[in-house]
């Protein structure tokens, strides 16, 4: 999988923080461990599609719930 650009990781962190309404998110924070649930996951997926382009599925998101992993998915789709 291609390495994500730092800016993409930062953008995904920003989306997580906005949706979860917390600053306690790092590149390796598991979405569900910092307060996420399936309904909030759909909001994150929508924000990623709107802000960054790729449309992830819920299954893909569940398999890669950290900002770094999501950024790697975006890099692989964009490559």
N, C-alpha and C. Protein backbone atom coordinates (compact mmCIF):
# COMPACT_ATOMS: atom_id res chain seq x y z
N UNK A 1 0.85 -1.18 0.00
CA UNK A 1 0.00 0.00 0.00
C UNK A 1 0.89 1.24 0.00
N UNK A 2 0.58 2.25 -0.80
CA UNK A 2 1.40 3.46 -0.80
C UNK A 2 1.34 4.19 0.54
N UNK A 3 2.44 4.82 0.89
CA UNK A 3 2.47 5.60 2.14
C UNK A 3 1.62 6.86 1.97
N UNK A 4 0.82 7.17 2.96
CA UNK A 4 0.00 8.37 2.86
C UNK A 4 0.83 9.62 3.08
N UNK A 5 0.40 10.71 2.49
CA UNK A 5 1.06 11.99 2.75
C UNK A 5 0.62 12.47 4.13
N UNK A 6 1.52 13.15 4.82
CA UNK A 6 1.22 13.66 6.16
C UNK A 6 -0.02 14.54 6.14
N UNK A 7 -0.19 15.31 5.09
CA UNK A 7 -1.35 16.21 5.03
C UNK A 7 -2.66 15.43 4.98
N UNK A 8 -2.65 14.27 4.31
CA UNK A 8 -3.86 13.44 4.27
C UNK A 8 -4.18 12.90 5.65
N UNK A 9 -3.15 12.44 6.36
CA UNK A 9 -3.35 11.95 7.72
C UNK A 9 -3.93 13.07 8.58
N UNK A 10 -3.35 14.27 8.46
CA UNK A 10 -3.84 15.42 9.23
C UNK A 10 -5.28 15.77 8.89
N UNK A 11 -5.64 15.67 7.62
CA UNK A 11 -7.02 15.95 7.22
C UNK A 11 -7.98 14.93 7.82
N UNK A 12 -7.58 13.66 7.81
CA UNK A 12 -8.44 12.62 8.39
C UNK A 12 -8.55 12.82 9.90
N UNK A 13 -7.45 13.17 10.56
CA UNK A 13 -7.50 13.47 11.99
C UNK A 13 -8.50 14.60 12.24
N UNK A 14 -8.47 15.63 11.41
CA UNK A 14 -9.40 16.75 11.55
C UNK A 14 -10.85 16.32 11.41
N UNK A 15 -11.11 15.42 10.47
CA UNK A 15 -12.48 14.90 10.28
C UNK A 15 -12.90 14.12 11.52
N UNK A 16 -12.05 13.24 12.01
CA UNK A 16 -12.37 12.49 13.23
C UNK A 16 -12.68 13.44 14.38
N UNK A 17 -11.81 14.43 14.57
CA UNK A 17 -12.00 15.37 15.69
C UNK A 17 -13.31 16.12 15.56
N UNK A 18 -13.64 16.54 14.35
CA UNK A 18 -14.88 17.28 14.12
C UNK A 18 -16.11 16.40 14.40
N UNK A 19 -16.10 15.19 13.87
CA UNK A 19 -17.25 14.29 14.03
C UNK A 19 -17.38 13.81 15.48
N UNK A 20 -16.25 13.49 16.10
CA UNK A 20 -16.28 12.97 17.47
C UNK A 20 -16.33 14.08 18.52
N UNK A 21 -16.13 15.32 18.08
CA UNK A 21 -16.14 16.47 18.97
C UNK A 21 -15.14 16.30 20.12
N UNK A 22 -13.91 15.92 19.75
CA UNK A 22 -12.83 15.77 20.72
C UNK A 22 -11.50 16.04 20.03
N UNK A 23 -10.56 16.55 20.80
CA UNK A 23 -9.20 16.76 20.29
C UNK A 23 -8.31 15.56 20.60
N UNK A 24 -8.85 14.55 21.27
CA UNK A 24 -8.08 13.38 21.68
C UNK A 24 -7.96 12.36 20.55
N UNK A 25 -7.52 12.81 19.38
CA UNK A 25 -7.34 11.93 18.23
C UNK A 25 -5.93 12.13 17.69
N UNK A 26 -5.22 11.02 17.53
CA UNK A 26 -3.90 11.04 16.91
C UNK A 26 -3.95 10.18 15.65
N UNK A 27 -2.86 10.10 14.95
CA UNK A 27 -2.81 9.31 13.71
C UNK A 27 -3.13 7.84 13.95
N UNK A 28 -2.86 7.36 15.16
CA UNK A 28 -3.07 5.94 15.45
C UNK A 28 -4.25 5.66 16.38
N UNK A 29 -5.11 6.65 16.57
CA UNK A 29 -6.30 6.45 17.41
C UNK A 29 -7.33 5.61 16.69
N UNK A 30 -7.80 4.57 17.36
CA UNK A 30 -8.89 3.76 16.81
C UNK A 30 -10.19 4.54 16.97
N UNK A 31 -10.90 4.72 15.88
CA UNK A 31 -12.13 5.50 15.87
C UNK A 31 -13.09 5.07 16.98
N UNK A 32 -13.23 3.79 17.17
CA UNK A 32 -14.20 3.27 18.12
C UNK A 32 -13.70 3.38 19.57
N UNK A 33 -12.40 3.39 19.76
CA UNK A 33 -11.84 3.55 21.10
C UNK A 33 -11.93 4.98 21.62
N UNK A 34 -12.09 5.94 20.72
CA UNK A 34 -12.19 7.35 21.14
C UNK A 34 -13.63 7.85 21.07
N UNK A 35 -14.59 6.93 21.08
CA UNK A 35 -15.99 7.32 21.20
C UNK A 35 -16.85 7.16 19.96
N UNK A 36 -16.29 6.62 18.89
CA UNK A 36 -17.06 6.45 17.66
C UNK A 36 -18.01 5.27 17.72
N UNK A 37 -19.03 5.34 16.89
CA UNK A 37 -19.96 4.23 16.72
C UNK A 37 -20.33 4.15 15.25
N UNK A 38 -21.19 3.21 14.89
CA UNK A 38 -21.49 3.00 13.47
C UNK A 38 -22.18 4.21 12.84
N UNK A 39 -23.00 4.91 13.58
CA UNK A 39 -23.66 6.09 13.01
C UNK A 39 -22.66 7.21 12.76
N UNK A 40 -21.75 7.42 13.70
CA UNK A 40 -20.72 8.43 13.51
C UNK A 40 -19.75 8.02 12.40
N UNK A 41 -19.53 6.72 12.24
CA UNK A 41 -18.66 6.23 11.16
C UNK A 41 -19.23 6.64 9.80
N UNK A 42 -20.53 6.59 9.64
CA UNK A 42 -21.12 7.01 8.36
C UNK A 42 -20.89 8.50 8.12
N UNK A 43 -20.88 9.30 9.18
CA UNK A 43 -20.58 10.73 9.04
C UNK A 43 -19.13 10.94 8.63
N UNK A 44 -18.22 10.16 9.19
CA UNK A 44 -16.81 10.25 8.82
C UNK A 44 -16.64 9.86 7.35
N UNK A 45 -17.25 8.77 6.95
CA UNK A 45 -17.16 8.31 5.56
C UNK A 45 -17.68 9.37 4.60
N UNK A 46 -18.79 10.00 4.94
CA UNK A 46 -19.35 11.07 4.10
C UNK A 46 -18.41 12.27 4.04
N UNK A 47 -17.83 12.63 5.18
CA UNK A 47 -16.91 13.78 5.21
C UNK A 47 -15.65 13.48 4.39
N UNK A 48 -15.16 12.25 4.46
CA UNK A 48 -13.99 11.88 3.67
C UNK A 48 -14.31 11.99 2.18
N UNK A 49 -15.46 11.49 1.78
CA UNK A 49 -15.86 11.58 0.37
C UNK A 49 -15.98 13.04 -0.07
N UNK A 50 -16.58 13.86 0.77
CA UNK A 50 -16.79 15.27 0.44
C UNK A 50 -15.47 16.05 0.42
N UNK A 51 -14.63 15.83 1.42
CA UNK A 51 -13.41 16.63 1.58
C UNK A 51 -12.20 16.09 0.81
N UNK A 52 -12.13 14.76 0.67
CA UNK A 52 -10.92 14.16 0.11
C UNK A 52 -11.16 13.39 -1.18
N UNK A 53 -12.40 13.08 -1.50
CA UNK A 53 -12.69 12.44 -2.77
C UNK A 53 -13.13 10.99 -2.71
N UNK A 54 -12.30 10.08 -2.19
CA UNK A 54 -12.66 8.66 -2.23
C UNK A 54 -13.89 8.32 -1.38
N UNK A 55 -14.70 7.44 -1.91
CA UNK A 55 -15.87 6.96 -1.17
C UNK A 55 -15.54 5.59 -0.59
N UNK A 56 -15.33 5.55 0.71
CA UNK A 56 -15.03 4.30 1.40
C UNK A 56 -16.33 3.61 1.78
N UNK A 57 -16.27 2.29 1.88
CA UNK A 57 -17.43 1.54 2.37
C UNK A 57 -17.31 1.40 3.88
N UNK A 58 -18.41 1.09 4.51
CA UNK A 58 -18.38 0.89 5.97
C UNK A 58 -17.48 -0.29 6.32
N UNK A 59 -17.50 -1.35 5.50
CA UNK A 59 -16.64 -2.50 5.77
C UNK A 59 -15.17 -2.13 5.68
N UNK A 60 -14.81 -1.33 4.69
CA UNK A 60 -13.42 -0.88 4.57
C UNK A 60 -13.03 -0.05 5.77
N UNK A 61 -13.92 0.83 6.19
CA UNK A 61 -13.64 1.68 7.34
C UNK A 61 -13.47 0.84 8.62
N UNK A 62 -14.32 -0.16 8.79
CA UNK A 62 -14.22 -1.02 9.97
C UNK A 62 -12.89 -1.78 10.01
N UNK A 63 -12.35 -2.11 8.85
CA UNK A 63 -11.07 -2.81 8.77
C UNK A 63 -9.88 -1.88 8.99
N UNK A 64 -10.09 -0.58 8.85
CA UNK A 64 -8.99 0.39 8.97
C UNK A 64 -9.48 1.61 9.73
N UNK A 65 -9.72 1.49 11.04
CA UNK A 65 -10.39 2.57 11.79
C UNK A 65 -9.50 3.69 12.33
N UNK A 66 -8.20 3.70 11.98
CA UNK A 66 -7.34 4.79 12.45
C UNK A 66 -7.14 5.81 11.34
N UNK A 67 -6.87 7.06 11.68
CA UNK A 67 -6.61 8.06 10.63
C UNK A 67 -5.47 7.64 9.70
N UNK A 68 -4.40 7.06 10.24
CA UNK A 68 -3.29 6.64 9.40
C UNK A 68 -3.73 5.55 8.41
N UNK A 69 -4.50 4.58 8.88
CA UNK A 69 -4.97 3.50 8.01
C UNK A 69 -5.93 4.03 6.94
N UNK A 70 -6.80 4.96 7.32
CA UNK A 70 -7.72 5.57 6.36
C UNK A 70 -6.92 6.34 5.30
N UNK A 71 -5.91 7.07 5.73
CA UNK A 71 -5.07 7.82 4.79
C UNK A 71 -4.35 6.86 3.83
N UNK A 72 -3.93 5.71 4.32
CA UNK A 72 -3.30 4.70 3.46
C UNK A 72 -4.30 4.19 2.42
N UNK A 73 -5.55 3.99 2.83
CA UNK A 73 -6.59 3.58 1.89
C UNK A 73 -6.80 4.65 0.81
N UNK A 74 -6.85 5.89 1.24
CA UNK A 74 -7.03 7.00 0.29
C UNK A 74 -5.86 7.05 -0.68
N UNK A 75 -4.64 6.86 -0.19
CA UNK A 75 -3.46 6.87 -1.05
C UNK A 75 -3.51 5.72 -2.05
N UNK A 76 -4.00 4.56 -1.63
CA UNK A 76 -4.05 3.40 -2.53
C UNK A 76 -5.13 3.58 -3.59
N UNK A 77 -6.22 4.23 -3.24
CA UNK A 77 -7.30 4.47 -4.20
C UNK A 77 -6.89 5.56 -5.18
N UNK A 78 -6.13 6.53 -4.70
CA UNK A 78 -5.73 7.68 -5.52
C UNK A 78 -4.53 7.37 -6.42
N UNK A 79 -3.83 6.26 -6.12
CA UNK A 79 -2.61 5.94 -6.87
C UNK A 79 -2.92 5.41 -8.25
